[in-house]
N, C-alpha and C. Protein backbone atom coordinates (compact mmCIF):
# COMPACT_ATOMS: atom_id res chain seq x y z
N MET A 1 215.38 138.10 32.78
CA MET A 1 215.23 136.84 32.05
C MET A 1 216.29 135.84 32.48
N ASN A 2 215.88 134.59 32.61
CA ASN A 2 216.85 133.52 32.84
C ASN A 2 217.67 133.31 31.57
N THR A 3 218.97 133.22 31.72
CA THR A 3 219.85 133.04 30.58
C THR A 3 220.81 131.89 30.84
N VAL A 4 220.91 130.99 29.86
CA VAL A 4 221.84 129.86 29.92
C VAL A 4 222.97 130.13 28.94
N THR A 5 224.20 129.88 29.39
CA THR A 5 225.37 130.10 28.53
C THR A 5 225.94 128.76 28.06
N ILE A 6 226.22 128.68 26.77
CA ILE A 6 226.79 127.47 26.18
C ILE A 6 228.09 127.82 25.46
N GLU A 7 229.14 127.10 25.80
CA GLU A 7 230.42 127.24 25.10
C GLU A 7 230.48 126.20 23.99
N ALA A 8 230.67 126.67 22.76
CA ALA A 8 230.64 125.77 21.61
C ALA A 8 231.82 126.06 20.69
N ALA A 9 231.98 125.19 19.70
CA ALA A 9 233.03 125.35 18.69
C ALA A 9 232.40 125.22 17.32
N LYS A 10 232.98 125.89 16.34
CA LYS A 10 232.47 125.82 14.99
C LYS A 10 232.73 124.43 14.42
N ARG A 11 231.73 123.88 13.73
CA ARG A 11 231.89 122.54 13.14
C ARG A 11 232.89 122.58 12.00
N SER A 12 233.75 121.57 11.98
CA SER A 12 234.78 121.52 10.94
C SER A 12 234.46 120.51 9.85
N GLY A 13 233.52 119.60 10.11
CA GLY A 13 233.19 118.58 9.12
C GLY A 13 231.70 118.33 9.06
N PHE A 14 231.24 117.86 7.88
CA PHE A 14 229.83 117.59 7.70
C PHE A 14 229.67 116.21 7.05
N GLY A 15 228.44 115.77 6.88
CA GLY A 15 228.20 114.45 6.33
C GLY A 15 227.96 113.43 7.42
N LYS A 16 227.45 112.27 7.04
CA LYS A 16 227.07 111.22 8.00
C LYS A 16 228.25 110.73 8.82
N ALA A 17 229.37 110.48 8.16
CA ALA A 17 230.54 109.94 8.87
C ALA A 17 231.05 110.93 9.91
N SER A 18 231.13 112.20 9.52
CA SER A 18 231.62 113.22 10.44
C SER A 18 230.66 113.42 11.61
N THR A 19 229.36 113.40 11.31
CA THR A 19 228.36 113.58 12.36
C THR A 19 228.37 112.41 13.34
N LYS A 20 228.52 111.19 12.82
CA LYS A 20 228.57 110.01 13.68
C LYS A 20 229.79 110.06 14.59
N LYS A 21 230.92 110.45 14.04
CA LYS A 21 232.15 110.56 14.83
C LYS A 21 231.99 111.61 15.93
N LEU A 22 231.33 112.71 15.58
CA LEU A 22 231.09 113.78 16.55
C LEU A 22 230.24 113.29 17.71
N ARG A 23 229.16 112.57 17.39
CA ARG A 23 228.25 112.08 18.44
C ARG A 23 228.91 111.01 19.29
N ASN A 24 229.80 110.24 18.70
CA ASN A 24 230.52 109.20 19.46
C ASN A 24 231.44 109.79 20.51
N THR A 25 231.80 111.05 20.35
CA THR A 25 232.65 111.72 21.35
C THR A 25 231.83 112.47 22.40
N GLY A 26 230.49 112.27 22.37
CA GLY A 26 229.62 112.90 23.36
C GLY A 26 229.22 114.32 23.02
N LYS A 27 229.41 114.71 21.76
CA LYS A 27 229.04 116.05 21.34
C LYS A 27 227.80 116.03 20.44
N VAL A 28 227.17 117.18 20.33
CA VAL A 28 225.94 117.32 19.56
C VAL A 28 226.11 118.43 18.53
N PRO A 29 225.73 118.18 17.28
CA PRO A 29 225.77 119.25 16.28
C PRO A 29 224.56 120.17 16.42
N GLY A 30 224.78 121.43 16.08
CA GLY A 30 223.68 122.39 16.15
C GLY A 30 223.82 123.47 15.11
N ILE A 31 222.78 124.29 15.01
CA ILE A 31 222.79 125.40 14.06
C ILE A 31 222.13 126.62 14.69
N ILE A 32 222.67 127.78 14.38
CA ILE A 32 222.06 129.06 14.77
C ILE A 32 221.63 129.75 13.47
N TYR A 33 220.33 130.02 13.35
CA TYR A 33 219.86 130.70 12.14
C TYR A 33 219.12 131.97 12.53
N GLY A 34 218.84 132.78 11.55
CA GLY A 34 218.13 134.04 11.81
C GLY A 34 219.02 135.25 11.72
N GLY A 35 220.34 135.04 11.65
CA GLY A 35 221.26 136.16 11.52
C GLY A 35 221.65 136.36 10.06
N LYS A 36 222.81 136.95 9.85
CA LYS A 36 223.27 137.20 8.49
C LYS A 36 223.51 135.90 7.73
N GLU A 37 224.00 134.89 8.44
CA GLU A 37 224.23 133.59 7.82
C GLU A 37 224.15 132.51 8.90
N PRO A 38 223.78 131.28 8.53
CA PRO A 38 223.69 130.20 9.53
C PRO A 38 225.06 129.92 10.14
N VAL A 39 225.04 129.55 11.42
CA VAL A 39 226.28 129.20 12.13
C VAL A 39 226.16 127.74 12.58
N HIS A 40 227.00 126.88 12.04
CA HIS A 40 227.01 125.47 12.43
C HIS A 40 228.04 125.27 13.54
N PHE A 41 227.60 124.63 14.63
CA PHE A 41 228.51 124.47 15.78
C PHE A 41 228.36 123.09 16.39
N GLU A 42 229.24 122.80 17.33
CA GLU A 42 229.17 121.56 18.11
C GLU A 42 229.47 121.88 19.56
N ALA A 43 228.83 121.12 20.46
CA ALA A 43 229.04 121.32 21.89
C ALA A 43 228.73 120.01 22.63
N PRO A 44 229.30 119.81 23.83
CA PRO A 44 229.01 118.60 24.60
C PRO A 44 227.51 118.48 24.90
N GLU A 45 227.00 117.27 24.86
CA GLU A 45 225.56 117.07 25.11
C GLU A 45 225.14 117.63 26.46
N LEU A 46 226.02 117.52 27.47
CA LEU A 46 225.69 118.01 28.80
C LEU A 46 225.46 119.52 28.82
N ALA A 47 226.01 120.23 27.84
CA ALA A 47 225.85 121.68 27.81
C ALA A 47 224.41 122.10 27.56
N PHE A 48 223.59 121.19 27.03
CA PHE A 48 222.21 121.54 26.66
C PHE A 48 221.18 121.15 27.72
N THR A 49 221.62 120.49 28.80
CA THR A 49 220.65 119.96 29.77
C THR A 49 219.77 121.03 30.40
N LYS A 50 220.36 122.20 30.72
CA LYS A 50 219.58 123.26 31.37
C LYS A 50 218.61 123.93 30.41
N VAL A 51 218.78 123.69 29.13
CA VAL A 51 217.88 124.27 28.13
C VAL A 51 216.79 123.28 27.73
N VAL A 52 217.19 122.02 27.60
CA VAL A 52 216.29 120.98 27.08
C VAL A 52 215.40 120.39 28.16
N TYR A 53 216.00 120.01 29.29
CA TYR A 53 215.25 119.27 30.32
C TYR A 53 214.72 120.22 31.40
N THR A 54 213.89 121.14 30.99
CA THR A 54 213.30 122.10 31.93
C THR A 54 211.99 122.61 31.37
N PRO A 55 211.01 122.89 32.22
CA PRO A 55 209.76 123.49 31.75
C PRO A 55 209.88 125.01 31.61
N ASN A 56 211.00 125.56 32.05
CA ASN A 56 211.19 127.01 32.06
C ASN A 56 211.55 127.54 30.68
N PHE A 57 211.30 128.82 30.50
CA PHE A 57 211.71 129.50 29.28
C PHE A 57 213.03 130.22 29.54
N ASN A 58 214.02 130.00 28.67
CA ASN A 58 215.33 130.60 28.85
C ASN A 58 215.83 131.25 27.56
N LEU A 59 216.56 132.34 27.72
CA LEU A 59 217.38 132.83 26.64
C LEU A 59 218.68 132.04 26.68
N VAL A 60 219.32 131.89 25.53
CA VAL A 60 220.55 131.09 25.46
C VAL A 60 221.65 131.90 24.79
N ASP A 61 222.70 132.17 25.54
CA ASP A 61 223.88 132.84 24.98
C ASP A 61 224.86 131.76 24.54
N ILE A 62 225.12 131.69 23.24
CA ILE A 62 226.04 130.68 22.70
C ILE A 62 227.31 131.37 22.23
N SER A 63 228.44 130.90 22.76
CA SER A 63 229.73 131.42 22.33
C SER A 63 230.37 130.40 21.40
N VAL A 64 230.58 130.81 20.14
CA VAL A 64 231.18 129.92 19.14
C VAL A 64 232.53 130.50 18.73
N ASP A 65 233.57 129.88 19.24
CA ASP A 65 234.94 130.36 18.94
C ASP A 65 235.08 131.85 19.19
N GLY A 66 234.54 132.31 20.31
CA GLY A 66 234.70 133.71 20.69
C GLY A 66 233.62 134.64 20.19
N ASN A 67 232.78 134.20 19.29
CA ASN A 67 231.66 135.01 18.81
C ASN A 67 230.40 134.67 19.59
N ASN A 68 229.73 135.67 20.12
CA ASN A 68 228.57 135.44 20.98
C ASN A 68 227.26 135.68 20.23
N TYR A 69 226.31 134.78 20.47
CA TYR A 69 225.01 134.84 19.81
C TYR A 69 223.91 134.74 20.88
N LYS A 70 223.00 135.70 20.86
CA LYS A 70 221.85 135.68 21.77
C LYS A 70 220.72 134.95 21.07
N THR A 71 220.27 133.84 21.64
CA THR A 71 219.34 132.96 20.92
C THR A 71 218.22 132.43 21.83
N ILE A 72 217.30 131.70 21.17
CA ILE A 72 216.31 130.88 21.87
C ILE A 72 216.30 129.51 21.19
N LEU A 73 215.99 128.48 21.96
CA LEU A 73 215.88 127.13 21.41
C LEU A 73 214.62 127.02 20.57
N LYS A 74 214.75 126.50 19.33
CA LYS A 74 213.61 126.39 18.45
C LYS A 74 213.23 124.95 18.12
N ASP A 75 214.21 124.04 18.04
CA ASP A 75 213.87 122.67 17.66
C ASP A 75 214.92 121.70 18.19
N LEU A 76 214.47 120.45 18.36
CA LEU A 76 215.33 119.38 18.89
C LEU A 76 215.07 118.10 18.15
N GLN A 77 216.10 117.28 18.03
CA GLN A 77 215.93 115.92 17.51
C GLN A 77 216.53 114.95 18.52
N PHE A 78 215.74 113.92 18.85
CA PHE A 78 216.19 112.89 19.79
C PHE A 78 216.32 111.55 19.08
N HIS A 79 217.21 110.70 19.58
CA HIS A 79 217.31 109.33 19.07
C HIS A 79 216.05 108.58 19.49
N PRO A 80 215.42 107.85 18.58
CA PRO A 80 214.14 107.19 18.89
C PRO A 80 214.25 106.09 19.94
N VAL A 81 215.43 105.55 20.17
CA VAL A 81 215.60 104.46 21.14
C VAL A 81 216.28 104.95 22.42
N THR A 82 217.41 105.64 22.27
CA THR A 82 218.20 106.04 23.45
C THR A 82 217.78 107.38 24.03
N ASP A 83 217.00 108.17 23.28
CA ASP A 83 216.58 109.52 23.70
C ASP A 83 217.75 110.49 23.81
N LYS A 84 218.88 110.14 23.27
CA LYS A 84 220.00 111.08 23.25
C LYS A 84 219.69 112.22 22.28
N ILE A 85 220.22 113.39 22.57
CA ILE A 85 220.02 114.55 21.70
C ILE A 85 220.85 114.37 20.44
N LEU A 86 220.21 114.46 19.29
CA LEU A 86 220.91 114.28 18.02
C LEU A 86 221.26 115.61 17.35
N HIS A 87 220.40 116.61 17.52
CA HIS A 87 220.64 117.89 16.85
C HIS A 87 219.83 118.97 17.55
N VAL A 88 220.36 120.20 17.57
CA VAL A 88 219.65 121.32 18.19
C VAL A 88 219.63 122.50 17.23
N ASP A 89 218.49 123.19 17.18
CA ASP A 89 218.35 124.39 16.36
C ASP A 89 218.07 125.58 17.27
N PHE A 90 218.80 126.66 17.06
CA PHE A 90 218.58 127.89 17.81
C PHE A 90 218.30 129.03 16.84
N GLN A 91 217.47 129.97 17.28
CA GLN A 91 217.18 131.16 16.49
C GLN A 91 217.89 132.35 17.11
N GLU A 92 218.67 133.05 16.31
CA GLU A 92 219.34 134.26 16.80
C GLU A 92 218.32 135.39 16.93
N LEU A 93 218.43 136.14 18.01
CA LEU A 93 217.48 137.21 18.27
C LEU A 93 217.95 138.53 17.67
N ASN A 94 216.98 139.25 17.15
CA ASN A 94 217.20 140.59 16.62
C ASN A 94 216.40 141.55 17.47
N ASP A 95 217.05 142.55 18.05
CA ASP A 95 216.38 143.46 18.98
C ASP A 95 215.17 144.14 18.38
N ASP A 96 215.14 144.30 17.07
CA ASP A 96 214.05 145.03 16.41
C ASP A 96 213.02 144.11 15.76
N ARG A 97 213.16 142.81 15.96
CA ARG A 97 212.26 141.86 15.31
C ARG A 97 211.51 141.03 16.35
N LYS A 98 210.18 141.03 16.26
CA LYS A 98 209.38 140.23 17.20
C LYS A 98 209.56 138.74 16.90
N ILE A 99 209.49 137.94 17.96
CA ILE A 99 209.61 136.50 17.82
C ILE A 99 208.41 135.83 18.49
N ILE A 100 208.17 134.60 18.09
CA ILE A 100 207.08 133.81 18.69
C ILE A 100 207.68 132.70 19.53
N VAL A 101 207.29 132.65 20.80
CA VAL A 101 207.80 131.63 21.73
C VAL A 101 206.66 131.18 22.64
N GLU A 102 206.91 130.13 23.40
CA GLU A 102 205.94 129.67 24.40
C GLU A 102 206.45 130.00 25.79
N ILE A 103 205.59 130.64 26.59
CA ILE A 103 205.96 131.06 27.94
C ILE A 103 205.13 130.27 28.96
N PRO A 104 205.76 129.73 30.01
CA PRO A 104 205.01 128.98 31.03
C PRO A 104 204.05 129.87 31.82
N LEU A 105 202.94 129.28 32.24
CA LEU A 105 201.98 129.95 33.11
C LEU A 105 202.24 129.54 34.56
N VAL A 106 202.10 130.49 35.47
CA VAL A 106 202.23 130.21 36.90
C VAL A 106 200.95 130.70 37.58
N PHE A 107 200.26 129.81 38.27
CA PHE A 107 198.99 130.15 38.91
C PHE A 107 199.25 130.56 40.36
N GLU A 108 198.78 131.76 40.72
CA GLU A 108 199.05 132.31 42.04
C GLU A 108 197.75 132.55 42.82
N GLY A 109 197.84 132.34 44.13
CA GLY A 109 196.71 132.61 45.01
C GLY A 109 195.89 131.37 45.34
N LEU A 110 195.09 131.48 46.39
CA LEU A 110 194.16 130.41 46.79
C LEU A 110 192.77 130.86 46.38
N SER A 111 192.18 130.16 45.43
CA SER A 111 190.90 130.60 44.88
C SER A 111 189.75 130.36 45.84
N GLU A 112 188.70 131.17 45.67
CA GLU A 112 187.49 131.02 46.49
C GLU A 112 186.88 129.64 46.29
N GLY A 113 186.93 129.14 45.06
CA GLY A 113 186.37 127.83 44.78
C GLY A 113 187.11 126.70 45.49
N VAL A 114 188.42 126.83 45.59
CA VAL A 114 189.20 125.81 46.32
C VAL A 114 188.87 125.86 47.81
N LYS A 115 188.66 127.06 48.33
CA LYS A 115 188.28 127.20 49.75
C LYS A 115 186.97 126.48 50.03
N GLU A 116 186.11 126.40 49.01
CA GLU A 116 184.80 125.75 49.19
C GLU A 116 184.86 124.25 48.92
N GLY A 117 186.05 123.75 48.65
CA GLY A 117 186.19 122.30 48.45
C GLY A 117 186.48 121.88 47.03
N GLY A 118 186.59 122.85 46.11
CA GLY A 118 186.89 122.52 44.72
C GLY A 118 188.37 122.24 44.51
N LYS A 119 188.71 121.87 43.30
CA LYS A 119 190.09 121.55 42.95
C LYS A 119 190.51 122.38 41.75
N LEU A 120 191.64 123.08 41.88
CA LEU A 120 192.15 123.89 40.78
C LEU A 120 192.77 122.97 39.74
N MET A 121 192.29 123.08 38.49
CA MET A 121 192.75 122.22 37.41
C MET A 121 193.34 123.07 36.28
N PRO A 122 194.67 123.09 36.13
CA PRO A 122 195.27 123.77 34.98
C PRO A 122 194.86 123.07 33.69
N LYS A 123 194.50 123.84 32.68
CA LYS A 123 194.11 123.29 31.39
C LYS A 123 195.24 123.37 30.37
N ILE A 124 196.02 124.44 30.45
CA ILE A 124 197.23 124.56 29.62
C ILE A 124 198.35 125.08 30.50
N ARG A 125 199.57 124.67 30.20
CA ARG A 125 200.73 125.03 31.02
C ARG A 125 201.53 126.17 30.41
N LYS A 126 201.34 126.42 29.10
CA LYS A 126 202.09 127.46 28.41
C LYS A 126 201.16 128.20 27.44
N VAL A 127 201.53 129.42 27.11
CA VAL A 127 200.82 130.14 26.06
C VAL A 127 201.84 130.60 25.01
N LYS A 128 201.37 130.67 23.78
CA LYS A 128 202.22 131.15 22.68
C LYS A 128 202.11 132.67 22.61
N VAL A 129 203.26 133.33 22.60
CA VAL A 129 203.26 134.79 22.60
C VAL A 129 204.13 135.33 21.48
N LYS A 130 203.90 136.61 21.16
CA LYS A 130 204.70 137.31 20.17
C LYS A 130 205.17 138.62 20.79
N ALA A 131 206.49 138.84 20.77
CA ALA A 131 207.02 140.04 21.41
C ALA A 131 208.44 140.32 20.94
N LEU A 132 208.90 141.53 21.21
CA LEU A 132 210.30 141.86 20.99
C LEU A 132 211.14 141.18 22.07
N PRO A 133 212.39 140.83 21.78
CA PRO A 133 213.23 140.16 22.77
C PRO A 133 213.31 140.89 24.12
N LYS A 134 213.34 142.22 24.09
CA LYS A 134 213.47 142.99 25.33
C LYS A 134 212.22 142.89 26.21
N ASP A 135 211.09 142.51 25.63
CA ASP A 135 209.84 142.44 26.38
C ASP A 135 209.50 141.03 26.86
N LEU A 136 210.33 140.05 26.53
CA LEU A 136 210.05 138.67 26.94
C LEU A 136 210.18 138.52 28.45
N VAL A 137 209.41 137.62 29.01
CA VAL A 137 209.44 137.33 30.45
C VAL A 137 209.64 135.83 30.66
N ASP A 138 210.12 135.48 31.88
CA ASP A 138 210.36 134.07 32.20
C ASP A 138 209.06 133.29 32.32
N GLU A 139 208.02 133.96 32.86
CA GLU A 139 206.75 133.30 33.12
C GLU A 139 205.64 134.32 33.12
N ILE A 140 204.42 133.85 32.97
CA ILE A 140 203.24 134.72 33.02
C ILE A 140 202.40 134.28 34.21
N LYS A 141 202.17 135.21 35.13
CA LYS A 141 201.43 134.90 36.35
C LYS A 141 199.92 135.06 36.12
N VAL A 142 199.17 134.11 36.63
CA VAL A 142 197.71 134.15 36.55
C VAL A 142 197.15 134.12 37.97
N ASP A 143 196.48 135.19 38.37
CA ASP A 143 195.91 135.29 39.72
C ASP A 143 194.56 134.56 39.75
N VAL A 144 194.48 133.52 40.58
CA VAL A 144 193.24 132.72 40.63
C VAL A 144 192.43 133.01 41.90
N THR A 145 192.80 134.03 42.66
CA THR A 145 192.18 134.30 43.96
C THR A 145 190.67 134.39 43.89
N ASP A 146 190.14 135.06 42.88
CA ASP A 146 188.69 135.29 42.79
C ASP A 146 187.95 134.22 41.99
N LEU A 147 188.64 133.16 41.61
CA LEU A 147 188.01 132.12 40.78
C LEU A 147 187.05 131.28 41.62
N LEU A 148 185.78 131.24 41.19
CA LEU A 148 184.73 130.57 41.96
C LEU A 148 184.59 129.10 41.56
N LEU A 149 183.90 128.38 42.38
CA LEU A 149 183.64 126.95 42.16
C LEU A 149 182.90 126.75 40.84
N GLY A 150 183.44 125.88 39.99
CA GLY A 150 182.81 125.58 38.72
C GLY A 150 183.10 126.59 37.62
N LYS A 151 183.95 127.56 37.89
CA LYS A 151 184.25 128.61 36.91
C LYS A 151 185.66 128.44 36.34
N SER A 152 185.93 129.18 35.24
CA SER A 152 187.21 129.09 34.55
C SER A 152 187.80 130.47 34.30
N ILE A 153 189.11 130.50 34.07
CA ILE A 153 189.78 131.70 33.56
C ILE A 153 190.21 131.39 32.13
N ASN A 154 189.83 132.27 31.20
CA ASN A 154 190.15 132.06 29.79
C ASN A 154 191.38 132.86 29.38
N VAL A 155 191.93 132.51 28.23
CA VAL A 155 193.09 133.21 27.68
C VAL A 155 192.81 134.71 27.57
N SER A 156 191.59 135.07 27.21
CA SER A 156 191.23 136.48 27.02
C SER A 156 191.40 137.31 28.28
N GLU A 157 191.45 136.66 29.44
CA GLU A 157 191.57 137.37 30.72
C GLU A 157 193.02 137.58 31.14
N ILE A 158 193.97 137.09 30.34
CA ILE A 158 195.39 137.27 30.65
C ILE A 158 195.92 138.44 29.85
N SER A 159 196.63 139.32 30.53
CA SER A 159 197.19 140.48 29.86
C SER A 159 198.61 140.73 30.37
N VAL A 160 199.54 140.90 29.43
CA VAL A 160 200.93 141.20 29.77
C VAL A 160 201.38 142.36 28.89
N GLU A 161 201.97 143.37 29.51
CA GLU A 161 202.37 144.57 28.79
C GLU A 161 203.36 144.26 27.66
N ASN A 162 203.08 144.76 26.48
CA ASN A 162 203.94 144.64 25.30
C ASN A 162 204.09 143.21 24.77
N ILE A 163 203.20 142.32 25.22
CA ILE A 163 203.24 140.93 24.76
C ILE A 163 201.88 140.55 24.18
N GLU A 164 201.88 140.03 22.96
CA GLU A 164 200.65 139.57 22.32
C GLU A 164 200.49 138.07 22.54
N ILE A 165 199.40 137.68 23.18
CA ILE A 165 199.11 136.26 23.40
C ILE A 165 198.33 135.75 22.20
N MET A 166 198.84 134.69 21.58
CA MET A 166 198.32 134.24 20.29
C MET A 166 197.35 133.07 20.39
N ASN A 167 197.16 132.49 21.56
CA ASN A 167 196.21 131.40 21.70
C ASN A 167 194.78 131.90 21.51
N ASN A 168 193.88 130.98 21.19
CA ASN A 168 192.46 131.32 21.06
C ASN A 168 191.96 131.95 22.37
N PRO A 169 191.38 133.16 22.31
CA PRO A 169 190.95 133.85 23.53
C PRO A 169 189.95 133.06 24.37
N GLY A 170 189.18 132.18 23.73
CA GLY A 170 188.14 131.46 24.45
C GLY A 170 188.62 130.20 25.16
N ILE A 171 189.88 129.83 24.98
CA ILE A 171 190.40 128.62 25.61
C ILE A 171 190.60 128.84 27.11
N PRO A 172 190.09 127.93 27.97
CA PRO A 172 190.34 128.07 29.41
C PRO A 172 191.78 127.69 29.75
N VAL A 173 192.39 128.46 30.64
CA VAL A 173 193.74 128.13 31.10
C VAL A 173 193.70 127.36 32.41
N CYS A 174 192.64 127.57 33.18
CA CYS A 174 192.45 126.80 34.42
C CYS A 174 190.99 126.92 34.85
N SER A 175 190.57 126.01 35.72
CA SER A 175 189.21 126.04 36.25
C SER A 175 189.22 125.42 37.64
N VAL A 176 188.16 125.69 38.39
CA VAL A 176 187.98 125.04 39.69
C VAL A 176 186.85 124.04 39.52
N GLU A 177 187.21 122.78 39.53
CA GLU A 177 186.22 121.72 39.32
C GLU A 177 185.59 121.28 40.64
N ILE A 178 184.33 120.87 40.54
CA ILE A 178 183.59 120.41 41.72
C ILE A 178 183.85 118.91 41.90
N PRO A 179 184.46 118.49 43.00
CA PRO A 179 184.73 117.06 43.22
C PRO A 179 183.44 116.25 43.27
N ARG A 180 183.55 114.97 42.92
CA ARG A 180 182.38 114.10 42.91
C ARG A 180 181.72 114.02 44.29
N ALA A 181 182.54 113.98 45.34
CA ALA A 181 181.99 113.88 46.70
C ALA A 181 181.16 115.11 47.04
N LEU A 182 181.63 116.28 46.58
CA LEU A 182 180.91 117.51 46.86
C LEU A 182 179.61 117.56 46.06
N LYS A 183 179.64 117.05 44.82
CA LYS A 183 178.43 116.99 44.02
C LYS A 183 177.41 116.06 44.67
N SER A 184 177.88 114.92 45.18
CA SER A 184 176.99 113.95 45.82
C SER A 184 176.36 114.55 47.07
N ALA A 185 177.17 115.29 47.84
CA ALA A 185 176.65 115.90 49.07
C ALA A 185 175.59 116.94 48.73
N ASP A 186 175.83 117.73 47.69
CA ASP A 186 174.85 118.74 47.28
C ASP A 186 173.56 118.09 46.80
N ALA A 187 173.70 117.00 46.03
CA ALA A 187 172.52 116.30 45.52
C ALA A 187 171.71 115.70 46.66
N ALA A 188 172.42 115.15 47.66
CA ALA A 188 171.73 114.57 48.81
C ALA A 188 170.99 115.64 49.59
N ALA A 189 171.63 116.80 49.74
CA ALA A 189 170.99 117.89 50.47
C ALA A 189 169.74 118.38 49.74
N GLU A 190 169.83 118.47 48.43
CA GLU A 190 168.67 118.89 47.65
C GLU A 190 167.55 117.87 47.75
N GLY A 191 167.93 116.57 47.78
CA GLY A 191 166.92 115.52 47.90
C GLY A 191 166.19 115.60 49.23
N GLU A 192 166.96 115.89 50.30
CA GLU A 192 166.34 116.00 51.62
C GLU A 192 165.40 117.20 51.68
N GLU A 193 165.82 118.30 51.06
CA GLU A 193 164.96 119.48 51.05
C GLU A 193 163.68 119.20 50.28
N GLY A 194 163.81 118.45 49.19
CA GLY A 194 162.63 118.12 48.39
C GLY A 194 161.69 117.21 49.16
N ALA A 195 162.24 116.25 49.90
CA ALA A 195 161.41 115.32 50.68
C ALA A 195 160.66 116.06 51.77
N GLU A 196 161.34 117.01 52.42
CA GLU A 196 160.67 117.78 53.46
C GLU A 196 159.54 118.62 52.87
N GLY A 197 159.74 119.11 51.66
CA GLY A 197 158.71 119.92 51.03
C GLY A 197 157.49 119.12 50.63
N ASP A 198 157.62 117.79 50.47
CA ASP A 198 156.51 116.94 50.06
C ASP A 198 155.68 116.46 51.24
N THR A 199 156.14 116.71 52.48
CA THR A 199 155.42 116.23 53.66
C THR A 199 154.11 117.00 53.81
N PRO A 200 152.96 116.29 53.95
CA PRO A 200 151.68 117.00 54.08
C PRO A 200 151.67 117.89 55.30
N ALA A 201 151.09 119.05 55.19
CA ALA A 201 150.99 119.97 56.32
C ALA A 201 150.05 119.39 57.36
N GLU A 202 150.25 119.77 58.62
CA GLU A 202 149.43 119.27 59.71
C GLU A 202 147.97 119.64 59.48
N GLY A 203 147.08 118.67 59.60
CA GLY A 203 145.66 118.92 59.41
C GLY A 203 145.18 118.59 58.01
N ASP A 204 146.09 118.38 57.08
CA ASP A 204 145.69 118.02 55.72
C ASP A 204 145.17 116.60 55.71
N ALA A 205 144.13 116.36 54.96
CA ALA A 205 143.58 115.02 54.86
C ALA A 205 144.46 114.17 53.94
N PRO A 206 144.61 112.89 54.29
CA PRO A 206 145.40 112.02 53.42
C PRO A 206 144.74 111.86 52.06
N ALA A 207 145.51 111.64 51.03
CA ALA A 207 144.95 111.48 49.69
C ALA A 207 144.07 110.25 49.64
N ALA A 208 142.94 110.36 48.90
CA ALA A 208 142.02 109.23 48.78
C ALA A 208 142.65 108.16 47.92
N GLU A 209 142.38 106.88 48.31
CA GLU A 209 142.90 105.76 47.52
C GLU A 209 142.00 105.52 46.33
């Protein structure tokens, strides 16, 4: 598993004035919940970039005044104008307790449909899963090699050991769509075949007027 480490300090003050002062120094307040008691901390905004600005799924080790917490990012608050991070929420992991997270999908292989001129179209980029922390993975691979033109792969066709996928089984995760140009070419070919089939056979009398 990819793991990001954050060095933080325990928050010493609360309230609007204290929080504003904290943010003015380039730091962000946060909370770790899910353990014996909530842990309120502060850390430089730059410390969160590898967790926030990435499509990847990461575990986050947070050190707060020497105490280490194994967590995952659960929630974020951004400033509506500046997009600066205002607050971060992390969930502490318990080895014996399953958690729900979103894992990115990675599509592998060159599909048969793409070879025929189709275009692979991802429908969803992540799936929601439920698993124990030890069974979590960075990504879920989807093999599209056998995917035919005009066909889809559904959630029900994805399987990962010890991980429960919670999305609707009937939802497509990707498909190979037929480009408009290819549809037009097929339609034209069918039209030509139809026209040839309508040609009177040699020796047939013309239709009476």
